[in-house]
């Protein structure tokens, strides 16, 4: 599916589900390099939505090794700073974690309002331990060859190796173990370079 077609499709899926007295939460999970972040950014512009990336909650390297399959982001902090305020429909404030510097950076504030839309995107967001009640679950899929090409383009040859040897096998195990695609409202596969 082309990007513009996918955006229109999602807009048509979401608009009938919106309520004026609550916040609508769209969750986007999917395979590495499937376009989750880019698609969320484009859809957010179209729908005037806020976007929250699970990358902002990534675990520091020192805490990561034993929790990779379980979930590579800080679930406890994510629940406290995002899920609970969303459920209570109160404004959000959280500190982003920068994977490159392995440090926390500036706080992000998101004002919520009835009838608003929040898009939460990132791998492992459908993990059952989150007990999240998403209004719509979208899975972004990708074929292996396109995935490989995008990762090499995005990360370069040297930095791509951990994806192929570690992250993708763990991600595939997560998708299989929890039957992630079975629990989605829709699945998209973008067949173009997305920027």
N, C-alpha and C. Protein backbone atom coordinates (compact mmCIF):
# COMPACT_ATOMS: atom_id res chain seq x y z
N UNK A 1 0.85 -1.18 0.00
CA UNK A 1 0.00 0.00 0.00
C UNK A 1 0.90 1.24 0.00
N UNK A 2 0.53 2.23 -0.75
CA UNK A 2 1.27 3.50 -0.79
C UNK A 2 0.92 4.34 0.44
N UNK A 3 1.82 5.24 0.81
CA UNK A 3 1.65 6.04 2.01
C UNK A 3 0.34 6.81 2.01
N UNK A 4 0.07 7.53 0.95
CA UNK A 4 -1.15 8.35 0.91
C UNK A 4 -2.41 7.49 1.03
N UNK A 5 -2.39 6.35 0.38
CA UNK A 5 -3.51 5.41 0.45
C UNK A 5 -3.68 4.88 1.88
N UNK A 6 -2.57 4.56 2.53
CA UNK A 6 -2.60 4.06 3.90
C UNK A 6 -3.11 5.12 4.87
N UNK A 7 -2.70 6.37 4.67
CA UNK A 7 -3.17 7.46 5.53
C UNK A 7 -4.67 7.65 5.39
N UNK A 8 -5.17 7.63 4.17
CA UNK A 8 -6.61 7.77 3.94
C UNK A 8 -7.37 6.60 4.56
N UNK A 9 -6.82 5.40 4.39
CA UNK A 9 -7.45 4.21 4.96
C UNK A 9 -7.58 4.35 6.48
N UNK A 10 -6.49 4.74 7.14
CA UNK A 10 -6.52 4.87 8.60
C UNK A 10 -7.45 5.99 9.05
N UNK A 11 -7.45 7.08 8.33
CA UNK A 11 -8.35 8.18 8.67
C UNK A 11 -9.80 7.69 8.61
N UNK A 12 -10.13 6.91 7.59
CA UNK A 12 -11.48 6.37 7.45
C UNK A 12 -11.80 5.35 8.54
N UNK A 13 -10.80 4.63 9.02
CA UNK A 13 -11.01 3.67 10.11
C UNK A 13 -11.26 4.39 11.43
N UNK A 14 -10.51 5.45 11.67
CA UNK A 14 -10.52 6.12 12.97
C UNK A 14 -11.68 7.09 13.15
N UNK A 15 -11.95 7.90 12.16
CA UNK A 15 -12.93 8.98 12.33
C UNK A 15 -14.29 8.51 12.86
N UNK A 16 -14.84 7.39 12.38
CA UNK A 16 -16.14 6.96 12.93
C UNK A 16 -16.07 6.52 14.40
N UNK A 17 -14.88 6.24 14.90
CA UNK A 17 -14.72 5.76 16.27
C UNK A 17 -14.49 6.87 17.29
N UNK A 18 -14.23 8.09 16.81
CA UNK A 18 -13.93 9.20 17.71
C UNK A 18 -15.14 9.59 18.53
N UNK A 19 -14.87 9.97 19.78
CA UNK A 19 -15.93 10.44 20.68
C UNK A 19 -15.54 11.83 21.17
N UNK A 20 -16.52 12.67 21.35
CA UNK A 20 -16.25 14.05 21.77
C UNK A 20 -15.96 14.16 23.26
N UNK A 21 -16.27 13.11 24.03
CA UNK A 21 -16.10 13.19 25.48
C UNK A 21 -14.93 12.36 26.00
N UNK A 22 -14.06 11.91 25.10
CA UNK A 22 -12.91 11.13 25.55
C UNK A 22 -11.74 11.26 24.57
N UNK A 23 -10.61 10.73 24.97
CA UNK A 23 -9.40 10.76 24.14
C UNK A 23 -9.31 9.43 23.40
N UNK A 24 -9.02 9.50 22.12
CA UNK A 24 -8.88 8.31 21.29
C UNK A 24 -7.41 7.94 21.21
N UNK A 25 -7.09 6.67 21.50
CA UNK A 25 -5.69 6.23 21.47
C UNK A 25 -5.49 5.17 20.39
N UNK A 26 -4.67 5.52 19.41
CA UNK A 26 -4.27 4.60 18.35
C UNK A 26 -2.88 4.09 18.70
N UNK A 27 -2.72 2.78 18.76
CA UNK A 27 -1.41 2.18 19.05
C UNK A 27 -0.88 1.52 17.78
N UNK A 28 0.39 1.79 17.47
CA UNK A 28 1.03 1.23 16.28
C UNK A 28 2.25 0.41 16.70
N UNK A 29 2.16 -0.88 16.49
CA UNK A 29 3.26 -1.81 16.72
C UNK A 29 3.70 -2.30 15.34
N UNK A 30 4.75 -3.06 15.27
CA UNK A 30 5.15 -3.61 13.99
C UNK A 30 6.60 -4.00 13.94
N UNK A 31 6.96 -4.55 12.82
CA UNK A 31 8.34 -5.01 12.63
C UNK A 31 9.29 -3.83 12.46
N UNK A 32 10.53 -4.10 12.78
CA UNK A 32 11.60 -3.12 12.64
C UNK A 32 11.66 -2.61 11.19
N UNK A 33 11.74 -1.31 11.03
CA UNK A 33 11.86 -0.63 9.73
C UNK A 33 10.60 -0.71 8.88
N UNK A 34 9.46 -1.05 9.50
CA UNK A 34 8.20 -1.12 8.75
C UNK A 34 7.61 0.26 8.50
N UNK A 35 8.12 1.28 9.20
CA UNK A 35 7.63 2.64 8.99
C UNK A 35 6.72 3.16 10.08
N UNK A 36 6.79 2.59 11.27
CA UNK A 36 5.91 2.99 12.37
C UNK A 36 6.04 4.47 12.70
N UNK A 37 7.26 4.92 12.92
CA UNK A 37 7.51 6.30 13.32
C UNK A 37 7.10 7.28 12.23
N UNK A 38 7.50 6.99 11.02
CA UNK A 38 7.18 7.88 9.89
C UNK A 38 5.69 7.92 9.63
N UNK A 39 5.05 6.77 9.65
CA UNK A 39 3.61 6.72 9.42
C UNK A 39 2.87 7.48 10.52
N UNK A 40 3.28 7.28 11.78
CA UNK A 40 2.66 7.99 12.89
C UNK A 40 2.79 9.50 12.73
N UNK A 41 3.97 9.95 12.30
CA UNK A 41 4.21 11.39 12.10
C UNK A 41 3.27 11.95 11.03
N UNK A 42 3.16 11.26 9.90
CA UNK A 42 2.28 11.73 8.82
C UNK A 42 0.81 11.69 9.23
N UNK A 43 0.41 10.62 9.91
CA UNK A 43 -0.98 10.50 10.33
C UNK A 43 -1.33 11.55 11.38
N UNK A 44 -0.38 11.84 12.27
CA UNK A 44 -0.60 12.85 13.30
C UNK A 44 -0.86 14.22 12.69
N UNK A 45 -0.10 14.56 11.64
CA UNK A 45 -0.33 15.84 10.95
C UNK A 45 -1.74 15.89 10.38
N UNK A 46 -2.12 14.81 9.78
CA UNK A 46 -3.43 14.73 9.12
C UNK A 46 -4.59 14.81 10.12
N UNK A 47 -4.39 14.22 11.31
CA UNK A 47 -5.47 14.13 12.29
C UNK A 47 -5.30 15.10 13.46
N UNK A 48 -4.29 15.95 13.42
CA UNK A 48 -3.97 16.86 14.54
C UNK A 48 -3.81 16.07 15.84
N UNK A 49 -3.05 15.02 15.78
CA UNK A 49 -2.86 14.13 16.93
C UNK A 49 -1.49 14.34 17.56
N UNK A 50 -1.38 13.95 18.81
CA UNK A 50 -0.09 13.92 19.50
C UNK A 50 0.52 12.54 19.28
N UNK A 51 1.85 12.48 19.19
CA UNK A 51 2.54 11.20 19.01
C UNK A 51 3.47 10.95 20.19
N UNK A 52 3.40 9.74 20.72
CA UNK A 52 4.30 9.30 21.77
C UNK A 52 5.04 8.08 21.24
N UNK A 53 6.37 8.12 21.30
CA UNK A 53 7.18 7.00 20.81
C UNK A 53 7.73 6.20 21.98
N UNK A 54 7.63 4.88 21.88
CA UNK A 54 8.20 4.06 22.95
C UNK A 54 9.72 4.19 22.99
N UNK A 55 10.33 4.66 21.90
CA UNK A 55 11.77 4.91 21.91
C UNK A 55 12.16 5.89 23.01
N UNK A 56 11.24 6.79 23.38
CA UNK A 56 11.50 7.75 24.44
C UNK A 56 11.59 7.07 25.81
N UNK A 57 11.16 5.81 25.88
CA UNK A 57 11.15 5.06 27.13
C UNK A 57 12.11 3.88 27.09
N UNK A 58 13.02 3.91 26.12
CA UNK A 58 13.97 2.81 25.95
C UNK A 58 14.77 2.61 27.22
N UNK A 59 15.05 1.36 27.55
CA UNK A 59 15.84 1.06 28.74
C UNK A 59 17.30 1.43 28.52
N UNK A 60 17.96 2.01 29.53
CA UNK A 60 19.40 2.24 29.43
C UNK A 60 20.12 0.90 29.21
N UNK A 61 21.25 0.94 28.56
CA UNK A 61 22.02 -0.26 28.25
C UNK A 61 22.23 -1.15 29.48
N UNK A 62 22.48 -0.53 30.62
CA UNK A 62 22.76 -1.29 31.85
C UNK A 62 21.57 -2.11 32.34
N UNK A 63 20.36 -1.74 31.95
CA UNK A 63 19.15 -2.44 32.41
C UNK A 63 18.56 -3.35 31.35
N UNK A 64 19.13 -3.37 30.17
CA UNK A 64 18.48 -3.97 29.02
C UNK A 64 18.62 -5.48 28.88
N UNK A 65 19.77 -6.04 29.15
CA UNK A 65 20.08 -7.43 28.75
C UNK A 65 19.06 -8.47 29.18
N UNK A 66 18.61 -8.44 30.40
CA UNK A 66 17.70 -9.48 30.88
C UNK A 66 16.25 -9.23 30.53
N UNK A 67 15.96 -8.10 29.91
CA UNK A 67 14.57 -7.75 29.65
C UNK A 67 14.23 -7.64 28.18
N UNK A 68 15.14 -8.03 27.30
CA UNK A 68 14.93 -7.77 25.88
C UNK A 68 13.67 -8.40 25.31
N UNK A 69 13.47 -9.69 25.52
CA UNK A 69 12.28 -10.32 24.97
C UNK A 69 11.05 -9.82 25.70
N UNK A 70 11.20 -9.63 27.00
CA UNK A 70 10.08 -9.14 27.78
C UNK A 70 9.62 -7.80 27.23
N UNK A 71 10.54 -6.88 27.03
CA UNK A 71 10.19 -5.57 26.49
C UNK A 71 11.41 -4.66 26.60
N UNK A 72 11.89 -4.08 25.50
CA UNK A 72 13.11 -3.27 25.56
C UNK A 72 12.89 -1.83 26.05
N UNK A 73 11.66 -1.49 26.40
CA UNK A 73 11.47 -0.15 26.95
C UNK A 73 10.99 -0.27 28.40
N UNK A 74 11.08 0.83 29.11
CA UNK A 74 10.77 0.86 30.54
C UNK A 74 9.25 0.87 30.73
N UNK A 75 8.70 -0.33 30.90
CA UNK A 75 7.24 -0.47 31.01
C UNK A 75 6.69 0.26 32.23
N UNK A 76 7.40 0.17 33.34
CA UNK A 76 6.90 0.79 34.57
C UNK A 76 6.80 2.31 34.40
N UNK A 77 7.84 2.90 33.85
CA UNK A 77 7.82 4.36 33.63
C UNK A 77 6.77 4.73 32.59
N UNK A 78 6.65 3.91 31.55
CA UNK A 78 5.65 4.16 30.50
C UNK A 78 4.24 4.11 31.09
N UNK A 79 3.99 3.12 31.93
CA UNK A 79 2.66 3.02 32.55
C UNK A 79 2.38 4.22 33.44
N UNK A 80 3.37 4.59 34.24
CA UNK A 80 3.20 5.70 35.19
C UNK A 80 3.05 7.04 34.47
N UNK A 81 3.87 7.28 33.45
CA UNK A 81 3.91 8.61 32.83
C UNK A 81 3.00 8.75 31.61
N UNK A 82 2.53 7.62 31.05
CA UNK A 82 1.67 7.71 29.86
C UNK A 82 0.33 7.00 30.06
N UNK A 83 0.36 5.70 30.35
CA UNK A 83 -0.90 4.95 30.40
C UNK A 83 -1.86 5.42 31.48
N UNK A 84 -1.35 5.63 32.68
CA UNK A 84 -2.23 6.07 33.77
C UNK A 84 -2.81 7.45 33.49
N UNK A 85 -1.99 8.45 33.12
CA UNK A 85 -2.58 9.75 32.78
C UNK A 85 -3.57 9.67 31.61
N UNK A 86 -3.30 8.82 30.62
CA UNK A 86 -4.25 8.67 29.52
C UNK A 86 -5.58 8.14 30.03
N UNK A 87 -5.51 7.14 30.88
CA UNK A 87 -6.73 6.54 31.43
C UNK A 87 -7.51 7.57 32.25
N UNK A 88 -6.77 8.39 32.99
CA UNK A 88 -7.40 9.42 33.82
C UNK A 88 -7.71 10.69 33.03
N UNK A 89 -7.30 10.71 31.77
CA UNK A 89 -7.49 11.85 30.87
C UNK A 89 -6.91 13.14 31.46
N UNK A 90 -5.68 13.00 31.98
CA UNK A 90 -4.96 14.17 32.48
C UNK A 90 -3.76 14.42 31.56
N UNK A 91 -3.22 15.61 31.59
CA UNK A 91 -2.09 15.96 30.73
C UNK A 91 -0.88 15.08 31.03
N UNK A 92 -0.04 14.91 30.02
CA UNK A 92 1.13 14.06 30.15
C UNK A 92 2.40 14.89 30.28
N UNK A 93 3.33 14.37 31.05
CA UNK A 93 4.66 14.96 31.15
C UNK A 93 5.64 13.82 31.39
N UNK A 94 6.60 13.68 30.50
CA UNK A 94 7.60 12.62 30.67
C UNK A 94 8.94 13.08 30.13
N UNK A 95 9.99 12.47 30.67
CA UNK A 95 11.35 12.75 30.19
C UNK A 95 11.72 11.73 29.14
N UNK A 96 12.22 12.20 28.03
CA UNK A 96 12.63 11.33 26.93
C UNK A 96 14.01 10.75 27.22
N UNK A 97 14.18 9.48 26.87
CA UNK A 97 15.49 8.85 27.00
C UNK A 97 16.14 8.84 25.63
N UNK A 98 17.37 9.35 25.54
CA UNK A 98 18.10 9.39 24.28
C UNK A 98 19.02 8.18 24.22
N UNK A 99 18.73 7.27 23.28
CA UNK A 99 19.52 6.02 23.15
C UNK A 99 20.97 6.29 22.79
N UNK A 100 21.21 7.35 22.02
CA UNK A 100 22.57 7.64 21.55
C UNK A 100 23.47 8.15 22.68
N UNK A 101 22.92 9.01 23.53
CA UNK A 101 23.72 9.55 24.63
C UNK A 101 23.53 8.75 25.92
N UNK A 102 22.57 7.81 25.92
CA UNK A 102 22.25 7.02 27.11
C UNK A 102 21.92 7.92 28.30
N UNK A 103 21.13 8.97 28.01
CA UNK A 103 20.76 9.90 29.07
C UNK A 103 19.35 10.42 28.83
N UNK A 104 18.77 10.96 29.90
CA UNK A 104 17.46 11.57 29.79
C UNK A 104 17.61 13.00 29.29
N UNK A 105 16.71 13.41 28.42
CA UNK A 105 16.73 14.76 27.88
C UNK A 105 15.46 15.49 28.31
N UNK A 106 15.21 16.62 27.72
CA UNK A 106 14.13 17.50 28.15
C UNK A 106 12.79 16.79 28.31
N UNK A 107 11.98 17.31 29.22
CA UNK A 107 10.65 16.78 29.45
C UNK A 107 9.73 17.14 28.29
N UNK A 108 8.81 16.28 28.01
CA UNK A 108 7.82 16.54 26.96
C UNK A 108 6.46 16.66 27.62
N UNK A 109 5.74 17.72 27.29
CA UNK A 109 4.41 17.97 27.84
C UNK A 109 3.38 17.82 26.73
N UNK A 110 2.32 17.08 27.01
CA UNK A 110 1.24 16.90 26.03
C UNK A 110 -0.07 17.23 26.72
N UNK A 111 -0.75 18.25 26.20
CA UNK A 111 -2.06 18.60 26.74
C UNK A 111 -3.12 17.73 26.07
N UNK A 112 -3.93 17.10 26.89
CA UNK A 112 -5.00 16.25 26.39
C UNK A 112 -6.32 16.99 26.47
N UNK A 113 -7.19 16.70 25.53
CA UNK A 113 -8.52 17.30 25.55
C UNK A 113 -9.51 16.31 24.97
N UNK A 114 -10.74 16.38 25.44
CA UNK A 114 -11.77 15.49 24.93
C UNK A 114 -11.90 15.63 23.43
N UNK A 115 -12.05 14.51 22.77
CA UNK A 115 -12.13 14.50 21.31
C UNK A 115 -10.77 14.45 20.65
N UNK A 116 -9.70 14.53 21.44
CA UNK A 116 -8.34 14.51 20.90
C UNK A 116 -7.88 13.10 20.57
N UNK A 117 -6.79 13.04 19.81
CA UNK A 117 -6.23 11.76 19.39
C UNK A 117 -4.77 11.69 19.83
N UNK A 118 -4.40 10.55 20.40
CA UNK A 118 -3.02 10.28 20.76
C UNK A 118 -2.59 9.03 20.00
N UNK A 119 -1.45 9.12 19.33
CA UNK A 119 -0.88 7.97 18.62
C UNK A 119 0.34 7.52 19.41
N UNK A 120 0.34 6.26 19.82
CA UNK A 120 1.49 5.69 20.51
C UNK A 120 2.11 4.68 19.57
N UNK A 121 3.40 4.89 19.26
CA UNK A 121 4.04 4.00 18.28
C UNK A 121 5.32 3.41 18.82
N UNK A 122 5.54 2.16 18.45
CA UNK A 122 6.79 1.51 18.80
C UNK A 122 6.65 0.00 18.90
N UNK A 123 7.73 -0.68 18.65
CA UNK A 123 7.73 -2.14 18.80
C UNK A 123 7.46 -2.50 20.25
N UNK A 124 6.77 -3.59 20.44
CA UNK A 124 6.43 -4.16 21.74
C UNK A 124 5.29 -3.42 22.43
N UNK A 125 4.64 -2.49 21.78
CA UNK A 125 3.58 -1.72 22.43
C UNK A 125 2.33 -2.56 22.70
N UNK A 126 2.21 -3.70 22.01
CA UNK A 126 1.07 -4.59 22.26
C UNK A 126 1.41 -5.68 23.28
N UNK A 127 2.51 -5.53 23.97
CA UNK A 127 2.91 -6.54 24.95
C UNK A 127 1.78 -6.71 25.98
N UNK A 128 1.36 -7.95 26.23
CA UNK A 128 0.21 -8.15 27.12
C UNK A 128 0.42 -7.65 28.55
N UNK A 129 1.65 -7.55 29.00
CA UNK A 129 1.89 -7.08 30.37
C UNK A 129 1.54 -5.61 30.57
N UNK A 130 1.37 -4.87 29.49
CA UNK A 130 0.98 -3.46 29.63
C UNK A 130 -0.50 -3.31 30.00
N UNK A 131 -1.28 -4.32 29.71
CA UNK A 131 -2.72 -4.29 29.99
C UNK A 131 -3.36 -3.02 29.44
N UNK A 132 -2.92 -2.60 28.29
CA UNK A 132 -3.40 -1.35 27.70
C UNK A 132 -4.70 -1.59 26.95
N UNK A 133 -5.58 -0.65 27.07
CA UNK A 133 -6.88 -0.72 26.41
C UNK A 133 -6.87 0.27 25.25
N UNK A 134 -6.21 -0.11 24.16
CA UNK A 134 -6.11 0.77 23.00
C UNK A 134 -7.45 0.85 22.28
N UNK A 135 -7.76 2.02 21.73
CA UNK A 135 -8.99 2.16 20.96
C UNK A 135 -8.86 1.53 19.58
N UNK A 136 -7.64 1.52 19.05
CA UNK A 136 -7.39 0.90 17.74
C UNK A 136 -5.96 0.41 17.72
N UNK A 137 -5.77 -0.82 17.26
CA UNK A 137 -4.43 -1.44 17.19
C UNK A 137 -4.05 -1.65 15.73
N UNK A 138 -2.97 -1.00 15.32
CA UNK A 138 -2.47 -1.13 13.96
C UNK A 138 -1.12 -1.82 13.99
N UNK A 139 -0.95 -2.82 13.13
CA UNK A 139 0.34 -3.50 13.01
C UNK A 139 0.95 -3.12 11.67
N UNK A 140 2.19 -2.65 11.70
CA UNK A 140 2.92 -2.30 10.48
C UNK A 140 3.83 -3.48 10.11
N UNK A 141 3.59 -4.04 8.95
CA UNK A 141 4.34 -5.21 8.49
C UNK A 141 5.33 -4.80 7.40
N UNK A 142 6.26 -5.68 7.11
CA UNK A 142 7.27 -5.42 6.08
C UNK A 142 7.86 -6.76 5.64
N UNK A 143 8.17 -6.87 4.36
CA UNK A 143 8.82 -8.10 3.90
C UNK A 143 10.30 -8.05 4.27
N UNK A 144 10.91 -9.22 4.35
CA UNK A 144 12.30 -9.33 4.83
C UNK A 144 13.30 -8.54 3.98
N UNK A 145 13.15 -8.58 2.66
CA UNK A 145 14.10 -7.89 1.78
C UNK A 145 14.03 -6.37 1.95
N UNK A 146 12.80 -5.84 1.98
CA UNK A 146 12.63 -4.39 2.17
C UNK A 146 13.13 -3.99 3.55
N UNK A 147 12.87 -4.81 4.55
CA UNK A 147 13.34 -4.54 5.90
C UNK A 147 14.86 -4.42 5.92
N UNK A 148 15.53 -5.38 5.30
CA UNK A 148 16.99 -5.38 5.25
C UNK A 148 17.51 -4.12 4.56
N UNK A 149 16.91 -3.77 3.42
CA UNK A 149 17.34 -2.59 2.67
C UNK A 149 17.15 -1.31 3.49
N UNK A 150 16.02 -1.18 4.16
CA UNK A 150 15.75 0.02 4.96
C UNK A 150 16.71 0.13 6.14
N UNK A 151 16.98 -0.99 6.79
CA UNK A 151 17.89 -0.96 7.94
C UNK A 151 19.30 -0.58 7.50
N UNK A 152 19.76 -1.14 6.40
CA UNK A 152 21.08 -0.79 5.88
C UNK A 152 21.15 0.68 5.50
N UNK A 153 20.10 1.18 4.87
CA UNK A 153 20.05 2.59 4.46
C UNK A 153 20.02 3.50 5.68
N UNK A 154 19.22 3.16 6.66
CA UNK A 154 19.03 3.97 7.85
C UNK A 154 20.22 3.92 8.80
N UNK A 155 20.81 2.74 8.97
CA UNK A 155 21.82 2.55 10.00
C UNK A 155 23.24 2.36 9.49
N UNK A 156 23.40 2.08 8.20
CA UNK A 156 24.73 1.78 7.67
C UNK A 156 25.11 0.34 7.96
N UNK A 157 26.07 -0.16 7.21
CA UNK A 157 26.48 -1.57 7.31
C UNK A 157 26.90 -1.97 8.72
N UNK A 158 27.78 -1.20 9.35
CA UNK A 158 28.30 -1.56 10.67
C UNK A 158 27.24 -1.56 11.75
N UNK A 159 26.37 -0.56 11.74
CA UNK A 159 25.34 -0.45 12.77
C UNK A 159 24.13 -1.33 12.49
N UNK A 160 24.04 -1.92 11.32
CA UNK A 160 22.90 -2.77 10.98
C UNK A 160 23.02 -4.17 11.57
N UNK A 161 24.24 -4.60 11.82
CA UNK A 161 24.47 -5.97 12.28
C UNK A 161 23.69 -6.34 13.54
N UNK A 162 23.67 -5.49 14.58
CA UNK A 162 22.88 -5.84 15.77
C UNK A 162 21.39 -6.05 15.46
N UNK A 163 20.88 -5.32 14.48
CA UNK A 163 19.48 -5.51 14.10
C UNK A 163 19.26 -6.91 13.54
N UNK A 164 20.14 -7.33 12.64
CA UNK A 164 19.98 -8.62 11.99
C UNK A 164 20.27 -9.79 12.94
N UNK A 165 21.24 -9.61 13.82
CA UNK A 165 21.65 -10.71 14.69
C UNK A 165 20.90 -10.78 16.02
N UNK A 166 20.38 -9.64 16.48
CA UNK A 166 19.78 -9.61 17.82
C UNK A 166 18.35 -9.09 17.83
N UNK A 167 18.18 -7.83 17.39
CA UNK A 167 16.88 -7.18 17.55
C UNK A 167 15.76 -7.82 16.74
N UNK A 168 16.01 -8.13 15.49
CA UNK A 168 14.94 -8.71 14.66
C UNK A 168 14.56 -10.11 15.14
N UNK A 169 15.52 -11.00 15.46
CA UNK A 169 15.11 -12.30 16.01
C UNK A 169 14.29 -12.18 17.30
N UNK A 170 14.67 -11.26 18.19
CA UNK A 170 13.89 -11.05 19.42
C UNK A 170 12.49 -10.53 19.10
N UNK A 171 12.42 -9.61 18.17
CA UNK A 171 11.13 -9.04 17.76
C UNK A 171 10.23 -10.12 17.16
N UNK A 172 10.80 -10.97 16.31
CA UNK A 172 10.03 -12.06 15.70
C UNK A 172 9.52 -13.03 16.77
N UNK A 173 10.35 -13.29 17.78
CA UNK A 173 9.92 -14.17 18.88
C UNK A 173 8.76 -13.55 19.64
N UNK A 174 8.83 -12.25 19.90
CA UNK A 174 7.74 -11.52 20.57
C UNK A 174 6.45 -11.61 19.75
N UNK A 175 6.53 -11.36 18.46
CA UNK A 175 5.35 -11.39 17.58
C UNK A 175 4.73 -12.79 17.59
N UNK A 176 5.57 -13.79 17.53
CA UNK A 176 5.09 -15.18 17.51
C UNK A 176 4.55 -15.61 18.88
N UNK A 177 5.32 -15.36 19.93
CA UNK A 177 4.94 -15.81 21.27
C UNK A 177 3.59 -15.25 21.71
N UNK A 178 3.36 -13.98 21.44
CA UNK A 178 2.13 -13.35 21.90
C UNK A 178 1.06 -13.23 20.80
N UNK A 179 1.32 -13.85 19.66
CA UNK A 179 0.37 -13.86 18.54
C UNK A 179 -0.15 -12.44 18.27
N UNK A 180 0.79 -11.52 18.15
CA UNK A 180 0.50 -10.09 18.08
C UNK A 180 -0.45 -9.73 16.94
N UNK A 181 -0.22 -10.28 15.77
CA UNK A 181 -1.04 -9.88 14.62
C UNK A 181 -2.50 -10.31 14.77
N UNK A 182 -2.74 -11.35 15.52
CA UNK A 182 -4.11 -11.83 15.75
C UNK A 182 -4.94 -10.82 16.53
N UNK A 183 -4.27 -10.03 17.35
CA UNK A 183 -4.98 -9.11 18.23
C UNK A 183 -5.03 -7.68 17.70
N UNK A 184 -4.75 -7.51 16.42
CA UNK A 184 -4.76 -6.17 15.82
C UNK A 184 -6.08 -5.90 15.11
N UNK A 185 -6.43 -4.62 15.04
CA UNK A 185 -7.62 -4.22 14.29
C UNK A 185 -7.33 -4.14 12.81
N UNK A 186 -6.07 -3.85 12.47
CA UNK A 186 -5.69 -3.74 11.07
C UNK A 186 -4.19 -3.93 10.93
N UNK A 187 -3.78 -4.27 9.72
CA UNK A 187 -2.37 -4.48 9.41
C UNK A 187 -2.06 -3.75 8.10
N UNK A 188 -0.97 -2.99 8.08
CA UNK A 188 -0.56 -2.27 6.87
C UNK A 188 0.87 -2.64 6.52
N UNK A 189 1.12 -2.67 5.23
CA UNK A 189 2.47 -2.89 4.72
C UNK A 189 2.71 -1.82 3.66
N UNK A 190 3.62 -0.89 3.93
CA UNK A 190 3.89 0.20 2.99
C UNK A 190 4.92 -0.24 1.96
N UNK A 191 4.57 -0.07 0.70
CA UNK A 191 5.43 -0.54 -0.40
C UNK A 191 6.12 0.61 -1.11
N UNK A 192 6.69 1.53 -0.35
CA UNK A 192 7.44 2.62 -0.96
C UNK A 192 8.41 3.15 0.08
N UNK A 193 9.39 3.86 -0.39
CA UNK A 193 10.30 4.50 0.55
C UNK A 193 9.53 5.60 1.25
N UNK A 194 9.54 5.58 2.55
CA UNK A 194 8.83 6.60 3.31
C UNK A 194 9.84 7.51 3.98
N UNK A 195 9.56 8.78 3.92
CA UNK A 195 10.49 9.77 4.46
C UNK A 195 9.81 10.57 5.55
